[in-house]
Every structure is written in C-alpha cells, then in structure tokens.
C-alpha cells in the first residue's frame, strides 16, 4: 500500500482558510485513507492509500477538503520514493545545512518546460535562486521570504502551473514521518 506526502495549498493563513489538523486527519481517515498523520498547522499530511497513483487522489481529496472546510485549496501529493528523490536531488546542499528555513521546495501541479524556467529565472530581482526539476522547484531566499519579490503568484505565472512550498526543515520532517508510515511494521495487520 503506497504512502503519500500531501501538502495543502493556502490553508490556515487567516480567516476563511482554516483547516484544523485534527479534523483533517479524521476526515481523511473516514474517506478510507490509513495511518493519517499531520505535521504542524500549515496543511502537511502523510497517509497510506490503496490507490496506486497520486493523480487519482489529488482531485477528489482537494474537493473533499474544500467542500468540508469551505476553503479553496489544492492538495499536492508525492509518493515516498518521489519525496526521497526530491531530497536527494537538492541542488543547494550548503543552504540545506546552513539556512534550511530559507530553502524551500515548491511542489507543482504540472511540469514546466525549459522556456518557462528561463522566464522565471529572468524575473528574479533579488538574490533569490531557483532550480527546477519536473514537478518541483527549489527556491533559496537568502534575504528572507517575507519581503521578497519572488512570490508564489509570480512563480506560478511564469511557470504556468500552481504550486505550494515548504521549507527544508518541514521537508525533512515529512520524510521522517513518511518513512515511519511506510515501514512494514506500521502496516495494518
């Protein structure tokens, strides 16, 4: 049974975006997912499912969460092997070690083409750096994220797809939870 890491987009940012994690866990468990766990309040979830592909789950789960909590959100899923490949493919190892809070991974709905990555690179006005690979991007914000002009809206407009990002600390914590959930000893009897 595959284990997935899921990131909810734009939840718990203020009024109208609230999704209590205990309620999310309960909802997902009632929908047939197993070993549902969440991490912090920003919409991070790990679970097991008999469904074999993330693409079969993303739309229905996004709709279920939006309908239940009355929020506009998308869920971005990656399998444990995909999540591990994201970590192993990090082109910014120094930043991961020295400043993990300012290194982000953005999961993307689609796979941008080369010209879109180049357009994003050309639109950077600060010291930020971006490297893309298939359906995710690595983003470095050496001067902080809050005042950066490299916003999610800008990234999405240049890449032509939606996305949601988490910092490197969260990426590694989700990997640890996913490994625990994916291990044979955590499987249901």
N, C-alpha and C. Protein backbone atom coordinates (compact mmCIF):
# COMPACT_ATOMS: atom_id res chain seq x y z
N UNK A 1 0.86 -1.18 0.00
CA UNK A 1 0.00 0.00 0.00
C UNK A 1 0.90 1.24 0.00
N UNK A 2 0.80 2.10 -1.01
CA UNK A 2 1.67 3.27 -1.09
C UNK A 2 1.41 4.28 0.03
N UNK A 3 2.48 4.94 0.41
CA UNK A 3 2.42 6.05 1.36
C UNK A 3 2.65 7.33 0.59
N UNK A 4 1.87 8.35 0.92
CA UNK A 4 1.97 9.64 0.24
C UNK A 4 2.24 10.77 1.22
N UNK A 5 2.99 11.76 0.76
CA UNK A 5 3.15 13.02 1.45
C UNK A 5 2.24 14.00 0.72
N UNK A 6 1.41 14.72 1.48
CA UNK A 6 0.49 15.68 0.88
C UNK A 6 0.66 17.07 1.47
N UNK A 7 0.64 18.06 0.61
CA UNK A 7 0.70 19.46 1.03
C UNK A 7 -0.56 20.15 0.57
N UNK A 8 -1.28 20.75 1.52
CA UNK A 8 -2.46 21.54 1.18
C UNK A 8 -2.01 22.96 0.91
N UNK A 9 -2.55 23.53 -0.12
CA UNK A 9 -2.17 24.87 -0.53
C UNK A 9 -3.03 25.91 0.19
N UNK A 10 -2.37 26.93 0.75
CA UNK A 10 -3.03 28.13 1.27
C UNK A 10 -4.07 27.85 2.35
N UNK A 11 -3.72 26.99 3.31
CA UNK A 11 -4.63 26.78 4.44
C UNK A 11 -4.00 27.34 5.71
N UNK A 12 -4.88 27.70 6.64
CA UNK A 12 -4.51 28.22 7.95
C UNK A 12 -3.66 29.48 7.87
N UNK A 13 -4.01 30.32 6.89
CA UNK A 13 -3.33 31.61 6.74
C UNK A 13 -4.14 32.75 7.33
N UNK A 14 -5.34 32.48 7.78
CA UNK A 14 -6.21 33.50 8.34
C UNK A 14 -7.66 33.11 8.14
N UNK A 15 -8.54 34.05 8.42
CA UNK A 15 -9.98 33.80 8.29
C UNK A 15 -10.31 33.31 6.89
N UNK A 16 -11.13 32.30 6.81
CA UNK A 16 -11.55 31.77 5.53
C UNK A 16 -10.63 30.69 4.97
N UNK A 17 -9.54 30.39 5.69
CA UNK A 17 -8.62 29.36 5.22
C UNK A 17 -8.35 28.30 6.30
N UNK A 18 -9.17 28.30 7.35
CA UNK A 18 -8.90 27.43 8.50
C UNK A 18 -9.27 25.97 8.24
N UNK A 19 -8.30 25.11 8.46
CA UNK A 19 -8.49 23.67 8.37
C UNK A 19 -7.80 23.07 9.60
N UNK A 20 -8.57 22.78 10.65
CA UNK A 20 -7.96 22.18 11.85
C UNK A 20 -7.37 20.82 11.51
N UNK A 21 -6.13 20.59 11.93
CA UNK A 21 -5.44 19.37 11.56
C UNK A 21 -6.10 18.12 12.15
N UNK A 22 -6.63 18.20 13.36
CA UNK A 22 -7.33 17.03 13.93
C UNK A 22 -8.56 16.69 13.08
N UNK A 23 -9.27 17.70 12.64
CA UNK A 23 -10.44 17.47 11.79
C UNK A 23 -10.03 16.94 10.42
N UNK A 24 -8.90 17.41 9.90
CA UNK A 24 -8.40 16.91 8.62
C UNK A 24 -8.04 15.44 8.74
N UNK A 25 -7.32 15.08 9.80
CA UNK A 25 -6.97 13.67 9.99
C UNK A 25 -8.22 12.80 10.04
N UNK A 26 -9.20 13.24 10.79
CA UNK A 26 -10.45 12.48 10.93
C UNK A 26 -11.15 12.35 9.57
N UNK A 27 -11.25 13.43 8.83
CA UNK A 27 -11.91 13.42 7.52
C UNK A 27 -11.21 12.45 6.58
N UNK A 28 -9.89 12.52 6.52
CA UNK A 28 -9.15 11.67 5.61
C UNK A 28 -9.25 10.20 6.01
N UNK A 29 -9.24 9.93 7.30
CA UNK A 29 -9.40 8.55 7.76
C UNK A 29 -10.79 8.02 7.40
N UNK A 30 -11.82 8.85 7.58
CA UNK A 30 -13.19 8.43 7.22
C UNK A 30 -13.33 8.20 5.72
N UNK A 31 -12.49 8.87 4.92
CA UNK A 31 -12.57 8.71 3.47
C UNK A 31 -11.84 7.46 2.98
N UNK A 32 -11.25 6.70 3.91
CA UNK A 32 -10.61 5.44 3.54
C UNK A 32 -9.10 5.44 3.56
N UNK A 33 -8.49 6.56 3.89
CA UNK A 33 -7.03 6.60 3.97
C UNK A 33 -6.59 6.01 5.31
N UNK A 34 -5.39 5.49 5.35
CA UNK A 34 -4.90 4.83 6.56
C UNK A 34 -3.66 5.52 7.11
N UNK A 35 -3.41 5.33 8.40
CA UNK A 35 -2.22 5.87 9.07
C UNK A 35 -2.05 7.36 8.81
N UNK A 36 -3.13 8.11 8.90
CA UNK A 36 -3.11 9.54 8.59
C UNK A 36 -2.41 10.30 9.72
N UNK A 37 -1.40 11.07 9.34
CA UNK A 37 -0.67 11.90 10.30
C UNK A 37 -0.50 13.30 9.70
N UNK A 38 -0.49 14.30 10.55
CA UNK A 38 -0.25 15.67 10.09
C UNK A 38 0.98 16.22 10.81
N UNK A 39 1.53 17.29 10.23
CA UNK A 39 2.68 17.97 10.80
C UNK A 39 2.40 19.46 10.79
N UNK A 40 2.56 20.08 11.91
CA UNK A 40 2.28 21.50 12.16
C UNK A 40 0.94 21.91 11.54
N UNK A 41 0.63 23.16 11.60
CA UNK A 41 -0.71 23.63 11.21
C UNK A 41 -0.81 24.16 9.79
N UNK A 42 0.22 23.93 8.98
CA UNK A 42 0.21 24.54 7.64
C UNK A 42 -0.27 23.60 6.54
N UNK A 43 -0.92 22.50 6.92
CA UNK A 43 -1.52 21.64 5.91
C UNK A 43 -0.57 20.61 5.35
N UNK A 44 0.14 19.90 6.21
CA UNK A 44 1.04 18.83 5.81
C UNK A 44 0.47 17.52 6.31
N UNK A 45 0.36 16.53 5.43
CA UNK A 45 -0.26 15.27 5.81
C UNK A 45 0.50 14.11 5.17
N UNK A 46 0.56 13.00 5.90
CA UNK A 46 1.14 11.76 5.40
C UNK A 46 0.11 10.67 5.63
N UNK A 47 -0.08 9.79 4.64
CA UNK A 47 -1.07 8.72 4.78
C UNK A 47 -0.74 7.58 3.84
N UNK A 48 -1.42 6.47 4.09
CA UNK A 48 -1.34 5.30 3.21
C UNK A 48 -2.67 5.18 2.49
N UNK A 49 -2.61 4.67 1.25
CA UNK A 49 -3.83 4.51 0.46
C UNK A 49 -3.70 3.31 -0.47
N UNK A 50 -4.82 2.65 -0.69
CA UNK A 50 -4.83 1.55 -1.66
C UNK A 50 -4.79 2.07 -3.09
N UNK A 51 -5.08 3.35 -3.28
CA UNK A 51 -5.00 3.95 -4.60
C UNK A 51 -3.54 4.00 -5.02
N UNK A 52 -3.27 3.58 -6.23
CA UNK A 52 -1.89 3.40 -6.68
C UNK A 52 -1.21 4.65 -7.21
N UNK A 53 -1.95 5.69 -7.54
CA UNK A 53 -1.29 6.89 -8.06
C UNK A 53 -1.81 8.14 -7.37
N UNK A 54 -0.90 9.08 -7.21
CA UNK A 54 -1.26 10.36 -6.61
C UNK A 54 -2.28 11.10 -7.45
N UNK A 55 -2.16 11.01 -8.76
CA UNK A 55 -3.07 11.76 -9.63
C UNK A 55 -4.52 11.31 -9.46
N UNK A 56 -4.74 10.07 -9.06
CA UNK A 56 -6.10 9.59 -8.82
C UNK A 56 -6.67 10.13 -7.51
N UNK A 57 -5.80 10.56 -6.61
CA UNK A 57 -6.22 11.04 -5.29
C UNK A 57 -6.32 12.56 -5.19
N UNK A 58 -5.45 13.26 -5.89
CA UNK A 58 -5.33 14.71 -5.68
C UNK A 58 -6.65 15.47 -5.89
N UNK A 59 -7.29 15.28 -7.02
CA UNK A 59 -8.54 16.00 -7.29
C UNK A 59 -9.64 15.68 -6.30
N UNK A 60 -9.97 14.41 -6.11
CA UNK A 60 -11.04 14.08 -5.16
C UNK A 60 -10.74 14.55 -3.73
N UNK A 61 -9.49 14.42 -3.28
CA UNK A 61 -9.17 14.87 -1.91
C UNK A 61 -9.24 16.39 -1.80
N UNK A 62 -8.77 17.09 -2.83
CA UNK A 62 -8.87 18.56 -2.82
C UNK A 62 -10.32 18.99 -2.72
N UNK A 63 -11.18 18.36 -3.52
CA UNK A 63 -12.61 18.68 -3.49
C UNK A 63 -13.24 18.35 -2.14
N UNK A 64 -12.89 17.21 -1.56
CA UNK A 64 -13.43 16.81 -0.26
C UNK A 64 -13.05 17.81 0.82
N UNK A 65 -11.79 18.20 0.87
CA UNK A 65 -11.32 19.16 1.87
C UNK A 65 -11.98 20.51 1.65
N UNK A 66 -12.04 20.97 0.41
CA UNK A 66 -12.66 22.27 0.11
C UNK A 66 -14.14 22.28 0.50
N UNK A 67 -14.84 21.21 0.16
CA UNK A 67 -16.27 21.12 0.46
C UNK A 67 -16.51 21.03 1.97
N UNK A 68 -15.72 20.26 2.67
CA UNK A 68 -15.91 20.06 4.11
C UNK A 68 -15.56 21.30 4.92
N UNK A 69 -14.45 21.94 4.59
CA UNK A 69 -13.97 23.07 5.39
C UNK A 69 -14.29 24.42 4.77
N UNK A 70 -14.93 24.43 3.60
CA UNK A 70 -15.31 25.66 2.92
C UNK A 70 -14.10 26.56 2.66
N UNK A 71 -13.03 25.94 2.16
CA UNK A 71 -11.82 26.67 1.80
C UNK A 71 -11.44 26.31 0.36
N UNK A 72 -10.81 27.25 -0.30
CA UNK A 72 -10.30 26.97 -1.64
C UNK A 72 -8.88 26.46 -1.47
N UNK A 73 -8.67 25.20 -1.82
CA UNK A 73 -7.35 24.61 -1.64
C UNK A 73 -7.10 23.57 -2.71
N UNK A 74 -5.85 23.22 -2.85
CA UNK A 74 -5.44 22.10 -3.69
C UNK A 74 -4.53 21.24 -2.83
N UNK A 75 -4.54 19.93 -3.09
CA UNK A 75 -3.61 19.03 -2.42
C UNK A 75 -2.60 18.54 -3.45
N UNK A 76 -1.34 18.63 -3.08
CA UNK A 76 -0.25 18.17 -3.92
C UNK A 76 0.34 16.93 -3.25
N UNK A 77 0.30 15.81 -3.94
CA UNK A 77 0.78 14.55 -3.37
C UNK A 77 2.04 14.06 -4.07
N UNK A 78 2.90 13.43 -3.27
CA UNK A 78 4.07 12.73 -3.81
C UNK A 78 4.22 11.43 -3.02
N UNK A 79 4.60 10.38 -3.74
CA UNK A 79 4.86 9.10 -3.09
C UNK A 79 6.17 9.21 -2.29
N UNK A 80 6.40 8.25 -1.42
CA UNK A 80 7.65 8.25 -0.65
C UNK A 80 8.87 8.21 -1.57
N UNK A 81 8.90 7.36 -2.60
CA UNK A 81 10.07 7.42 -3.50
C UNK A 81 10.23 8.78 -4.18
N UNK A 82 9.13 9.41 -4.57
CA UNK A 82 9.22 10.74 -5.18
C UNK A 82 9.74 11.76 -4.17
N UNK A 83 9.25 11.69 -2.92
CA UNK A 83 9.69 12.62 -1.87
C UNK A 83 11.18 12.45 -1.61
N UNK A 84 11.62 11.20 -1.52
CA UNK A 84 13.04 10.93 -1.30
C UNK A 84 13.89 11.45 -2.46
N UNK A 85 13.40 11.31 -3.69
CA UNK A 85 14.13 11.82 -4.86
C UNK A 85 14.24 13.34 -4.81
N UNK A 86 13.21 14.01 -4.32
CA UNK A 86 13.27 15.47 -4.16
C UNK A 86 14.39 15.84 -3.20
N UNK A 87 14.48 15.13 -2.09
CA UNK A 87 15.52 15.42 -1.09
C UNK A 87 16.90 15.13 -1.68
N UNK A 88 17.05 13.98 -2.31
CA UNK A 88 18.34 13.59 -2.88
C UNK A 88 18.76 14.52 -4.02
N UNK A 89 17.80 15.11 -4.73
CA UNK A 89 18.11 15.97 -5.86
C UNK A 89 18.35 17.42 -5.52
N UNK A 90 18.36 17.76 -4.24
CA UNK A 90 18.52 19.15 -3.82
C UNK A 90 19.81 19.75 -4.38
N UNK A 91 19.70 20.79 -5.22
CA UNK A 91 20.89 21.41 -5.79
C UNK A 91 21.55 22.43 -4.86
N UNK A 92 20.99 22.61 -3.66
CA UNK A 92 21.51 23.60 -2.72
C UNK A 92 21.87 22.95 -1.38
N UNK A 93 22.86 22.05 -1.36
CA UNK A 93 23.20 21.35 -0.11
C UNK A 93 23.74 22.28 0.98
N UNK A 94 24.50 23.30 0.59
CA UNK A 94 25.03 24.22 1.61
C UNK A 94 23.89 24.95 2.32
N UNK A 95 22.93 25.44 1.55
CA UNK A 95 21.79 26.14 2.14
C UNK A 95 20.95 25.20 3.01
N UNK A 96 20.84 23.95 2.59
CA UNK A 96 20.08 22.97 3.37
C UNK A 96 20.70 22.78 4.74
N UNK A 97 22.02 22.84 4.79
CA UNK A 97 22.72 22.65 6.06
C UNK A 97 22.79 23.93 6.88
N UNK A 98 23.10 25.05 6.24
CA UNK A 98 23.37 26.30 6.95
C UNK A 98 22.15 27.18 7.18
N UNK A 99 21.15 27.11 6.30
CA UNK A 99 19.99 28.01 6.42
C UNK A 99 18.73 27.32 5.88
N UNK A 100 18.33 26.19 6.47
CA UNK A 100 17.21 25.41 5.93
C UNK A 100 15.86 26.13 5.95
N UNK A 101 15.72 27.13 6.79
CA UNK A 101 14.44 27.86 6.83
C UNK A 101 14.24 28.73 5.59
N UNK A 102 15.34 29.06 4.89
CA UNK A 102 15.24 29.90 3.70
C UNK A 102 15.42 29.12 2.40
N UNK A 103 15.44 27.80 2.51
CA UNK A 103 15.44 26.92 1.34
C UNK A 103 14.07 26.26 1.30
N UNK A 104 13.37 26.44 0.20
CA UNK A 104 12.03 25.88 0.05
C UNK A 104 11.98 24.91 -1.12
N UNK A 105 11.07 23.96 -1.01
CA UNK A 105 10.71 23.10 -2.13
C UNK A 105 9.27 23.42 -2.45
N UNK A 106 9.01 23.74 -3.72
CA UNK A 106 7.65 24.00 -4.17
C UNK A 106 7.19 22.84 -5.04
N UNK A 107 6.13 22.16 -4.60
CA UNK A 107 5.53 21.13 -5.43
C UNK A 107 4.65 21.82 -6.45
N UNK A 108 4.71 21.35 -7.68
CA UNK A 108 3.98 21.96 -8.79
C UNK A 108 2.95 20.98 -9.33
N UNK A 109 1.84 21.51 -9.81
CA UNK A 109 0.80 20.68 -10.42
C UNK A 109 1.28 20.10 -11.75
N UNK A 110 1.91 20.92 -12.56
CA UNK A 110 2.38 20.46 -13.87
C UNK A 110 3.89 20.53 -13.96
N UNK A 111 4.40 20.14 -15.10
CA UNK A 111 5.84 20.16 -15.36
C UNK A 111 6.17 21.29 -16.34
N UNK A 112 6.72 22.39 -15.85
CA UNK A 112 7.06 23.49 -16.75
C UNK A 112 8.11 23.07 -17.78
N UNK A 113 8.07 23.75 -18.91
CA UNK A 113 9.07 23.50 -19.95
C UNK A 113 10.24 24.46 -19.75
N UNK A 114 11.31 24.21 -20.46
CA UNK A 114 12.55 24.99 -20.29
C UNK A 114 12.32 26.50 -20.39
N UNK A 115 11.57 26.94 -21.38
CA UNK A 115 11.33 28.38 -21.54
C UNK A 115 10.63 29.00 -20.34
N UNK A 116 9.78 28.25 -19.69
CA UNK A 116 9.10 28.76 -18.50
C UNK A 116 10.08 28.92 -17.33
N UNK A 117 10.98 27.94 -17.17
CA UNK A 117 12.00 28.06 -16.13
C UNK A 117 12.90 29.27 -16.41
N UNK A 118 13.23 29.47 -17.67
CA UNK A 118 14.07 30.61 -18.03
C UNK A 118 13.35 31.94 -17.76
N UNK A 119 12.04 31.98 -18.03
CA UNK A 119 11.26 33.19 -17.75
C UNK A 119 11.22 33.49 -16.26
N UNK A 120 11.10 32.45 -15.46
CA UNK A 120 11.12 32.64 -14.01
C UNK A 120 12.48 33.16 -13.57
N UNK A 121 13.52 32.56 -14.04
CA UNK A 121 14.88 33.00 -13.70
C UNK A 121 15.10 34.46 -14.07
N UNK A 122 14.61 34.86 -15.23
CA UNK A 122 14.79 36.23 -15.71
C UNK A 122 14.00 37.24 -14.88
N UNK A 123 12.97 36.80 -14.19
CA UNK A 123 12.15 37.72 -13.42
C UNK A 123 12.65 37.94 -11.99
N UNK A 124 13.69 37.24 -11.59
CA UNK A 124 14.23 37.39 -10.23
C UNK A 124 14.97 38.72 -10.14
N UNK A 125 14.62 39.52 -9.15
CA UNK A 125 15.21 40.86 -8.98
C UNK A 125 16.13 40.96 -7.78
N UNK A 126 16.13 39.97 -6.93
CA UNK A 126 16.98 39.99 -5.73
C UNK A 126 18.03 38.90 -5.81
N UNK A 127 18.45 38.44 -4.63
CA UNK A 127 19.48 37.40 -4.56
C UNK A 127 18.90 36.00 -4.53
N UNK A 128 17.60 35.88 -4.73
CA UNK A 128 16.97 34.58 -4.72
C UNK A 128 17.52 33.72 -5.85
N UNK A 129 17.44 32.42 -5.66
CA UNK A 129 17.85 31.47 -6.69
C UNK A 129 16.79 30.39 -6.81
N UNK A 130 16.60 29.91 -8.03
CA UNK A 130 15.60 28.87 -8.32
C UNK A 130 16.23 27.82 -9.22
N UNK A 131 15.96 26.57 -8.89
CA UNK A 131 16.31 25.45 -9.77
C UNK A 131 15.08 24.57 -9.87
N UNK A 132 14.72 24.23 -11.08
CA UNK A 132 13.53 23.42 -11.27
C UNK A 132 13.85 22.04 -11.79
N UNK A 133 12.98 21.12 -11.44
CA UNK A 133 13.13 19.74 -11.89
C UNK A 133 11.76 19.11 -11.97
N UNK A 134 11.27 18.92 -13.17
CA UNK A 134 9.98 18.26 -13.38
C UNK A 134 8.87 19.01 -12.66
N UNK A 135 8.25 18.38 -11.66
CA UNK A 135 7.09 18.95 -10.98
C UNK A 135 7.44 19.55 -9.62
N UNK A 136 8.65 20.07 -9.47
CA UNK A 136 9.01 20.78 -8.24
C UNK A 136 10.13 21.77 -8.51
N UNK A 137 10.21 22.73 -7.61
CA UNK A 137 11.25 23.76 -7.70
C UNK A 137 11.92 23.90 -6.35
N UNK A 138 13.21 24.19 -6.39
CA UNK A 138 13.97 24.51 -5.18
C UNK A 138 14.17 26.02 -5.19
N UNK A 139 13.86 26.67 -4.09
CA UNK A 139 13.91 28.13 -4.01
C UNK A 139 14.78 28.53 -2.82
N UNK A 140 15.73 29.42 -3.05
CA UNK A 140 16.57 29.93 -1.97
C UNK A 140 16.27 31.41 -1.81
N UNK A 141 15.95 31.79 -0.58
CA UNK A 141 15.65 33.18 -0.23
C UNK A 141 16.68 33.65 0.81
N UNK A 142 17.89 34.02 0.39
CA UNK A 142 18.93 34.37 1.36
C UNK A 142 18.60 35.59 2.22
N UNK A 143 17.76 36.48 1.73
CA UNK A 143 17.39 37.68 2.48
C UNK A 143 16.02 37.57 3.14
N UNK A 144 15.47 36.37 3.18
CA UNK A 144 14.16 36.15 3.78
C UNK A 144 13.06 36.10 2.73
N UNK A 145 11.97 35.51 3.12
CA UNK A 145 10.86 35.28 2.20
C UNK A 145 9.85 36.42 2.22
N UNK A 146 9.62 36.99 3.38
CA UNK A 146 8.55 37.97 3.57
C UNK A 146 8.61 39.19 2.69
N UNK A 147 9.80 39.70 2.43
CA UNK A 147 9.92 40.92 1.63
C UNK A 147 10.36 40.65 0.20
N UNK A 148 10.52 39.40 -0.14
CA UNK A 148 10.99 39.05 -1.47
C UNK A 148 9.95 39.36 -2.54
N UNK A 149 10.42 39.75 -3.69
CA UNK A 149 9.54 39.96 -4.85
C UNK A 149 9.27 38.65 -5.59
N UNK A 150 9.98 37.58 -5.20
CA UNK A 150 9.77 36.26 -5.80
C UNK A 150 8.65 35.57 -5.04
N UNK A 151 7.43 35.95 -5.38
CA UNK A 151 6.24 35.47 -4.69
C UNK A 151 5.68 34.21 -5.36
N UNK A 152 4.81 33.55 -4.65
CA UNK A 152 4.13 32.37 -5.22
C UNK A 152 3.38 32.77 -6.48
N UNK A 153 2.70 33.90 -6.45
CA UNK A 153 1.95 34.35 -7.64
C UNK A 153 2.88 34.55 -8.84
N UNK A 154 4.03 35.14 -8.62
CA UNK A 154 4.99 35.35 -9.71
C UNK A 154 5.50 34.01 -10.23
N UNK A 155 5.86 33.13 -9.32
CA UNK A 155 6.37 31.81 -9.72
C UNK A 155 5.32 31.08 -10.56
N UNK A 156 4.09 31.06 -10.06
CA UNK A 156 3.02 30.36 -10.78
C UNK A 156 2.76 30.98 -12.15
N UNK A 157 2.80 32.30 -12.22
CA UNK A 157 2.52 32.94 -13.51
C UNK A 157 3.62 32.62 -14.53
N UNK A 158 4.87 32.60 -14.10
CA UNK A 158 5.97 32.31 -15.03
C UNK A 158 6.01 30.83 -15.42
N UNK A 159 5.66 29.95 -14.48
CA UNK A 159 5.73 28.52 -14.76
C UNK A 159 4.44 27.96 -15.36
N UNK A 160 3.37 28.74 -15.29
CA UNK A 160 2.11 28.31 -15.89
C UNK A 160 1.43 27.17 -15.16
N UNK A 161 1.68 27.06 -13.87
CA UNK A 161 1.06 25.99 -13.07
C UNK A 161 1.00 26.43 -11.62
N UNK A 162 0.13 25.80 -10.86
CA UNK A 162 0.01 26.14 -9.44
C UNK A 162 1.01 25.33 -8.63
N UNK A 163 1.24 25.80 -7.41
CA UNK A 163 2.18 25.11 -6.53
C UNK A 163 2.01 25.52 -5.08
N UNK A 164 2.69 24.80 -4.22
CA UNK A 164 2.75 25.15 -2.80
C UNK A 164 4.11 24.75 -2.28
N UNK A 165 4.66 25.54 -1.36
CA UNK A 165 6.04 25.34 -0.92
C UNK A 165 6.13 25.10 0.58
N UNK A 166 7.20 24.40 0.97
CA UNK A 166 7.54 24.19 2.37
C UNK A 166 9.05 24.36 2.52
N UNK A 167 9.46 24.81 3.71
CA UNK A 167 10.89 24.98 3.92
C UNK A 167 11.56 23.62 4.15
N UNK A 168 12.88 23.63 4.05
CA UNK A 168 13.65 22.39 4.09
C UNK A 168 13.45 21.63 5.40
N UNK A 169 13.33 22.35 6.51
CA UNK A 169 13.08 21.68 7.79
C UNK A 169 11.82 20.84 7.72
N UNK A 170 10.75 21.41 7.18
CA UNK A 170 9.47 20.70 7.06
C UNK A 170 9.60 19.55 6.08
N UNK A 171 10.31 19.75 4.98
CA UNK A 171 10.52 18.68 4.00
C UNK A 171 11.16 17.46 4.68
N UNK A 172 12.18 17.69 5.50
CA UNK A 172 12.86 16.58 6.17
C UNK A 172 11.99 15.94 7.24
N UNK A 173 11.23 16.74 7.97
CA UNK A 173 10.32 16.17 8.98
C UNK A 173 9.25 15.31 8.33
N UNK A 174 8.72 15.76 7.20
CA UNK A 174 7.73 14.95 6.48
C UNK A 174 8.34 13.66 5.96
N UNK A 175 9.60 13.72 5.54
CA UNK A 175 10.28 12.50 5.09
C UNK A 175 10.39 11.49 6.22
N UNK A 176 10.71 11.97 7.41
CA UNK A 176 10.83 11.07 8.56
C UNK A 176 9.48 10.43 8.89
N UNK A 177 8.41 11.22 8.88
CA UNK A 177 7.07 10.68 9.15
C UNK A 177 6.69 9.69 8.06
N UNK A 178 6.99 10.03 6.81
CA UNK A 178 6.65 9.14 5.70
C UNK A 178 7.41 7.82 5.80
N UNK A 179 8.67 7.87 6.20
CA UNK A 179 9.45 6.62 6.35
C UNK A 179 8.85 5.75 7.45
N UNK A 180 8.46 6.37 8.57
CA UNK A 180 7.82 5.62 9.66
C UNK A 180 6.51 4.99 9.18
N UNK A 181 5.72 5.77 8.47
CA UNK A 181 4.42 5.31 7.98
C UNK A 181 4.59 4.22 6.93
N UNK A 182 5.64 4.33 6.13
CA UNK A 182 5.87 3.40 5.02
C UNK A 182 6.52 2.09 5.45
N UNK A 183 7.07 2.06 6.67
CA UNK A 183 7.78 0.86 7.10
C UNK A 183 6.81 -0.30 7.31
N UNK A 184 7.27 -1.52 7.06
CA UNK A 184 6.39 -2.69 7.20
C UNK A 184 5.78 -2.84 8.60
N UNK A 185 6.49 -2.38 9.63
CA UNK A 185 5.95 -2.53 10.99
C UNK A 185 4.77 -1.61 11.25
N UNK A 186 4.58 -0.57 10.42
CA UNK A 186 3.45 0.34 10.62
C UNK A 186 2.21 -0.10 9.85
N UNK A 187 2.35 -1.10 9.00
CA UNK A 187 1.22 -1.57 8.21
C UNK A 187 0.17 -2.20 9.10
N UNK A 188 -1.07 -2.08 8.68
CA UNK A 188 -2.17 -2.68 9.43
C UNK A 188 -2.07 -4.19 9.36
N UNK A 189 -2.46 -4.89 10.44
CA UNK A 189 -2.38 -6.34 10.44
C UNK A 189 -3.30 -6.97 9.42
